[in-house]
Amino acid sequence: MTTPRRPECTVPLVEVAITEFDLACLRETGAVFDQLLTLHPEQVVIDLSGCRHIDAAAIGLLLDVHRRMVRAGGVLSVRNPNPRITRILQTARLDQILPVHTETGPSPAVATDTVAPPADRAAPPGAAPRTAAYGRAAVTVRT
């Protein structure tokens, strides 16, 4: 039996911190996911620690990104949803499809670099991790 060959990943991990995740910002957030999936990440982690609300449209987008990640051999997970969002994810049974990680303290995998720096203070060339802000999401690429 032959195991399907996973395409080469450009980056091992992409972290996305989302502060607003509903129908009003779905187009912007979807565009961010479209762009980051072109990197062929092995893992995408969505940090919801700063997000206060999630709706059905956002859950649909998460399911779509999950499906695309699985087809590419990658993993999508959600980190640090507040208790209200955790209940919404459980009600939608999304926690049975995606890994949902709740941490009590700051994540060792994510430093303060996950917040996009002010536009007037650009990171030096070649600095890692790279962070970019897109609307209401900050995307960190770790290589």
C-alpha atoms as a PDB file:
ATOM      1  CA  MET A   1       0.000   0.000   0.000  1.00  0.00           C
ATOM      2  CA  THR A   2       1.391   3.389  -0.949  1.00  0.00           C
ATOM      3  CA  THR A   3       0.929   6.379   1.326  1.00  0.00           C
ATOM      4  CA  PRO A   4      -0.002   9.549  -0.541  1.00  0.00           C
ATOM      5  CA  ARG A   5       3.014  11.811  -0.805  1.00  0.00           C
ATOM      6  CA  ARG A   6       2.634  15.112   0.964  1.00  0.00           C
ATOM      7  CA  PRO A   7       3.640  18.098  -1.136  1.00  0.00           C
ATOM      8  CA  GLU A   8       6.694  19.934   0.126  1.00  0.00           C
ATOM      9  CA  CYS A   9       5.841  22.559   2.702  1.00  0.00           C
ATOM     10  CA  THR A  10       7.170  26.030   2.216  1.00  0.00           C
ATOM     11  CA  VAL A  11       6.773  26.837   5.931  1.00  0.00           C
ATOM     12  CA  PRO A  12       6.232  24.508   8.873  1.00  0.00           C
ATOM     13  CA  LEU A  13       3.912  26.773  10.889  1.00  0.00           C
ATOM     14  CA  VAL A  14       1.688  29.767  10.265  1.00  0.00           C
ATOM     15  CA  GLU A  15      -0.025  31.427  13.210  1.00  0.00           C
ATOM     16  CA  VAL A  16      -2.999  33.738  12.760  1.00  0.00           C
ATOM     17  CA  ALA A  17      -4.299  35.916  15.594  1.00  0.00           C
ATOM     18  CA  ILE A  18      -7.880  36.926  14.859  1.00  0.00           C
ATOM     19  CA  THR A  19      -9.646  39.686  16.788  1.00  0.00           C
ATOM     20  CA  GLU A  20     -12.898  39.844  14.798  1.00  0.00           C
ATOM     21  CA  PHE A  21     -14.368  36.769  13.172  1.00  0.00           C
ATOM     22  CA  ASP A  22     -17.843  37.212  11.764  1.00  0.00           C
ATOM     23  CA  LEU A  23     -19.718  37.904   8.544  1.00  0.00           C
ATOM     24  CA  ALA A  24     -18.692  41.584   8.545  1.00  0.00           C
ATOM     25  CA  CYS A  25     -14.996  40.735   8.131  1.00  0.00           C
ATOM     26  CA  LEU A  26     -15.341  37.380   6.373  1.00  0.00           C
ATOM     27  CA  ARG A  27     -14.086  38.639   3.000  1.00  0.00           C
ATOM     28  CA  GLU A  28     -10.896  40.091   4.524  1.00  0.00           C
ATOM     29  CA  THR A  29     -10.253  37.057   6.709  1.00  0.00           C
ATOM     30  CA  GLY A  30     -10.919  34.671   3.822  1.00  0.00           C
ATOM     31  CA  ALA A  31      -8.399  36.566   1.694  1.00  0.00           C
ATOM     32  CA  VAL A  32      -5.795  36.186   4.462  1.00  0.00           C
ATOM     33  CA  PHE A  33      -6.396  32.428   4.553  1.00  0.00           C
ATOM     34  CA  ASP A  34      -6.213  32.202   0.750  1.00  0.00           C
ATOM     35  CA  GLN A  35      -2.824  33.926   0.817  1.00  0.00           C
ATOM     36  CA  LEU A  36      -1.393  31.902   3.654  1.00  0.00           C
ATOM     37  CA  LEU A  37      -2.493  28.594   2.125  1.00  0.00           C
ATOM     38  CA  THR A  38      -0.357  29.405  -0.922  1.00  0.00           C
ATOM     39  CA  LEU A  39       2.618  28.959   1.427  1.00  0.00           C
ATOM     40  CA  HIS A  40       1.663  25.265   1.789  1.00  0.00           C
ATOM     41  CA  PRO A  41       2.055  25.303   5.578  1.00  0.00           C
ATOM     42  CA  GLU A  42       2.307  22.064   7.488  1.00  0.00           C
ATOM     43  CA  GLN A  43       0.315  23.573  10.338  1.00  0.00           C
ATOM     44  CA  VAL A  44      -1.927  26.622  10.729  1.00  0.00           C
ATOM     45  CA  VAL A  45      -2.796  27.744  14.255  1.00  0.00           C
ATOM     46  CA  ILE A  46      -5.622  30.240  14.708  1.00  0.00           C
ATOM     47  CA  ASP A  47      -5.255  32.162  17.960  1.00  0.00           C
ATOM     48  CA  LEU A  48      -8.645  33.384  19.136  1.00  0.00           C
ATOM     49  CA  SER A  49      -7.490  34.751  22.505  1.00  0.00           C
ATOM     50  CA  GLY A  50      -8.283  38.320  21.410  1.00  0.00           C
ATOM     51  CA  CYS A  51     -11.560  37.441  19.672  1.00  0.00           C
ATOM     52  CA  ARG A  52     -14.863  38.128  21.439  1.00  0.00           C
ATOM     53  CA  HIS A  53     -17.332  36.728  18.902  1.00  0.00           C
ATOM     54  CA  ILE A  54     -17.583  34.094  16.187  1.00  0.00           C
ATOM     55  CA  ASP A  55     -20.619  33.424  14.012  1.00  0.00           C
ATOM     56  CA  ALA A  56     -21.845  30.747  11.599  1.00  0.00           C
ATOM     57  CA  ALA A  57     -20.097  32.371   8.627  1.00  0.00           C
ATOM     58  CA  ALA A  58     -16.761  32.212  10.467  1.00  0.00           C
ATOM     59  CA  ILE A  59     -17.364  28.572  11.395  1.00  0.00           C
ATOM     60  CA  GLY A  60     -18.050  27.843   7.725  1.00  0.00           C
ATOM     61  CA  LEU A  61     -14.751  29.511   6.802  1.00  0.00           C
ATOM     62  CA  LEU A  62     -12.899  27.451   9.429  1.00  0.00           C
ATOM     63  CA  LEU A  63     -14.398  24.271   7.987  1.00  0.00           C
ATOM     64  CA  ASP A  64     -13.372  25.296   4.470  1.00  0.00           C
ATOM     65  CA  VAL A  65      -9.795  26.070   5.540  1.00  0.00           C
ATOM     66  CA  HIS A  66      -9.693  22.774   7.476  1.00  0.00           C
ATOM     67  CA  ARG A  67     -10.821  20.861   4.371  1.00  0.00           C
ATOM     68  CA  ARG A  68      -8.184  22.571   2.228  1.00  0.00           C
ATOM     69  CA  MET A  69      -5.471  21.895   4.822  1.00  0.00           C
ATOM     70  CA  VAL A  70      -6.396  18.200   5.089  1.00  0.00           C
ATOM     71  CA  ARG A  71      -6.315  17.829   1.301  1.00  0.00           C
ATOM     72  CA  ALA A  72      -2.817  19.324   1.310  1.00  0.00           C
ATOM     73  CA  GLY A  73      -1.712  17.072   4.174  1.00  0.00           C
ATOM     74  CA  GLY A  74      -1.661  19.841   6.781  1.00  0.00           C
ATOM     75  CA  VAL A  75      -3.364  20.502  10.099  1.00  0.00           C
ATOM     76  CA  LEU A  76      -5.540  23.424  11.178  1.00  0.00           C
ATOM     77  CA  SER A  77      -6.044  24.054  14.886  1.00  0.00           C
ATOM     78  CA  VAL A  78      -7.635  26.689  17.097  1.00  0.00           C
ATOM     79  CA  ARG A  79      -5.947  28.077  20.201  1.00  0.00           C
ATOM     80  CA  ASN A  80      -7.208  29.940  23.257  1.00  0.00           C
ATOM     81  CA  PRO A  81     -10.868  30.634  22.486  1.00  0.00           C
ATOM     82  CA  ASN A  82     -12.649  32.386  25.345  1.00  0.00           C
ATOM     83  CA  PRO A  83     -15.317  30.362  27.205  1.00  0.00           C
ATOM     84  CA  ARG A  84     -18.152  31.805  25.088  1.00  0.00           C
ATOM     85  CA  ILE A  85     -16.433  30.928  21.813  1.00  0.00           C
ATOM     86  CA  THR A  86     -15.514  27.508  23.211  1.00  0.00           C
ATOM     87  CA  ARG A  87     -19.244  26.836  23.815  1.00  0.00           C
ATOM     88  CA  ILE A  88     -20.067  27.987  20.273  1.00  0.00           C
ATOM     89  CA  LEU A  89     -17.388  25.683  18.827  1.00  0.00           C
ATOM     90  CA  GLN A  90     -18.722  22.802  20.935  1.00  0.00           C
ATOM     91  CA  THR A  91     -22.331  23.491  19.914  1.00  0.00           C
ATOM     92  CA  ALA A  92     -21.262  23.477  16.254  1.00  0.00           C
ATOM     93  CA  ARG A  93     -19.222  20.328  17.023  1.00  0.00           C
ATOM     94  CA  LEU A  94     -16.202  21.999  15.498  1.00  0.00           C
ATOM     95  CA  ASP A  95     -14.162  20.815  18.473  1.00  0.00           C
ATOM     96  CA  GLN A  96     -14.724  17.262  17.183  1.00  0.00           C
ATOM     97  CA  ILE A  97     -13.277  18.163  13.773  1.00  0.00           C
ATOM     98  CA  LEU A  98     -10.433  20.551  14.653  1.00  0.00           C
ATOM     99  CA  PRO A  99      -7.991  20.430  17.530  1.00  0.00           C
ATOM    100  CA  VAL A 100      -8.996  23.190  19.977  1.00  0.00           C
ATOM    101  CA  HIS A 101      -6.277  24.030  22.505  1.00  0.00           C
ATOM    102  CA  THR A 102      -6.998  26.043  25.623  1.00  0.00           C
ATOM    103  CA  GLU A 103      -3.984  27.308  27.526  1.00  0.00           C
ATOM    104  CA  THR A 104      -4.054  29.010  30.893  1.00  0.00           C
ATOM    105  CA  GLY A 105      -0.946  31.149  30.440  1.00  0.00           C
ATOM    106  CA  PRO A 106       0.972  32.682  27.560  1.00  0.00           C
ATOM    107  CA  SER A 107       1.779  30.173  24.870  1.00  0.00           C
ATOM    108  CA  PRO A 108       5.437  29.174  24.731  1.00  0.00           C
ATOM    109  CA  ALA A 109       5.127  28.827  20.949  1.00  0.00           C
ATOM    110  CA  VAL A 110       3.910  32.389  20.470  1.00  0.00           C
ATOM    111  CA  ALA A 111       5.884  35.337  21.697  1.00  0.00           C
ATOM    112  CA  THR A 112       4.787  38.941  21.459  1.00  0.00           C
ATOM    113  CA  ASP A 113       5.783  38.738  17.780  1.00  0.00           C
ATOM    114  CA  THR A 114       2.258  37.645  16.878  1.00  0.00           C
ATOM    115  CA  VAL A 115       1.061  41.241  17.097  1.00  0.00           C
ATOM    116  CA  ALA A 116       1.932  43.195  13.988  1.00  0.00           C
ATOM    117  CA  PRO A 117       4.455  45.975  14.628  1.00  0.00           C
ATOM    118  CA  PRO A 118       3.409  49.549  13.875  1.00  0.00           C
ATOM    119  CA  ALA A 119       3.742  50.443  10.196  1.00  0.00           C
ATOM    120  CA  ASP A 120       6.452  53.001  10.954  1.00  0.00           C
ATOM    121  CA  ARG A 121       8.645  50.336  12.624  1.00  0.00           C
ATOM    122  CA  ALA A 122       9.342  47.716   9.988  1.00  0.00           C
ATOM    123  CA  ALA A 123      11.297  44.605  10.952  1.00  0.00           C
ATOM    124  CA  PRO A 124      14.861  44.365   9.660  1.00  0.00           C
ATOM    125  CA  PRO A 125      15.318  42.298   6.483  1.00  0.00           C
ATOM    126  CA  GLY A 126      15.630  38.576   7.185  1.00  0.00           C
ATOM    127  CA  ALA A 127      14.165  38.811  10.693  1.00  0.00           C
ATOM    128  CA  ALA A 128      12.179  35.777  11.803  1.00  0.00           C
ATOM    129  CA  PRO A 129       9.397  35.276  12.595  1.00  0.00           C
ATOM    130  CA  ARG A 130       7.760  37.564  10.075  1.00  0.00           C
ATOM    131  CA  THR A 131       4.489  39.205  11.011  1.00  0.00           C
ATOM    132  CA  ALA A 132       2.061  41.048   8.791  1.00  0.00           C
ATOM    133  CA  ALA A 133      -1.266  42.635   9.619  1.00  0.00           C
ATOM    134  CA  TYR A 134      -4.238  42.147   7.314  1.00  0.00           C
ATOM    135  CA  GLY A 135      -7.337  43.986   8.437  1.00  0.00           C
ATOM    136  CA  ARG A 136      -8.370  42.329  11.682  1.00  0.00           C
ATOM    137  CA  ALA A 137      -5.881  39.455  11.629  1.00  0.00           C
ATOM    138  CA  ALA A 138      -2.182  39.314  12.357  1.00  0.00           C
ATOM    139  CA  VAL A 139      -0.343  36.517  10.581  1.00  0.00           C
ATOM    140  CA  THR A 140       2.973  35.176  11.869  1.00  0.00           C
ATOM    141  CA  VAL A 141       5.052  32.859   9.690  1.00  0.00           C
ATOM    142  CA  ARG A 142       7.612  30.752  11.510  1.00  0.00           C
ATOM    143  CA  THR A 143      10.329  29.093   9.474  1.00  0.00           C
END
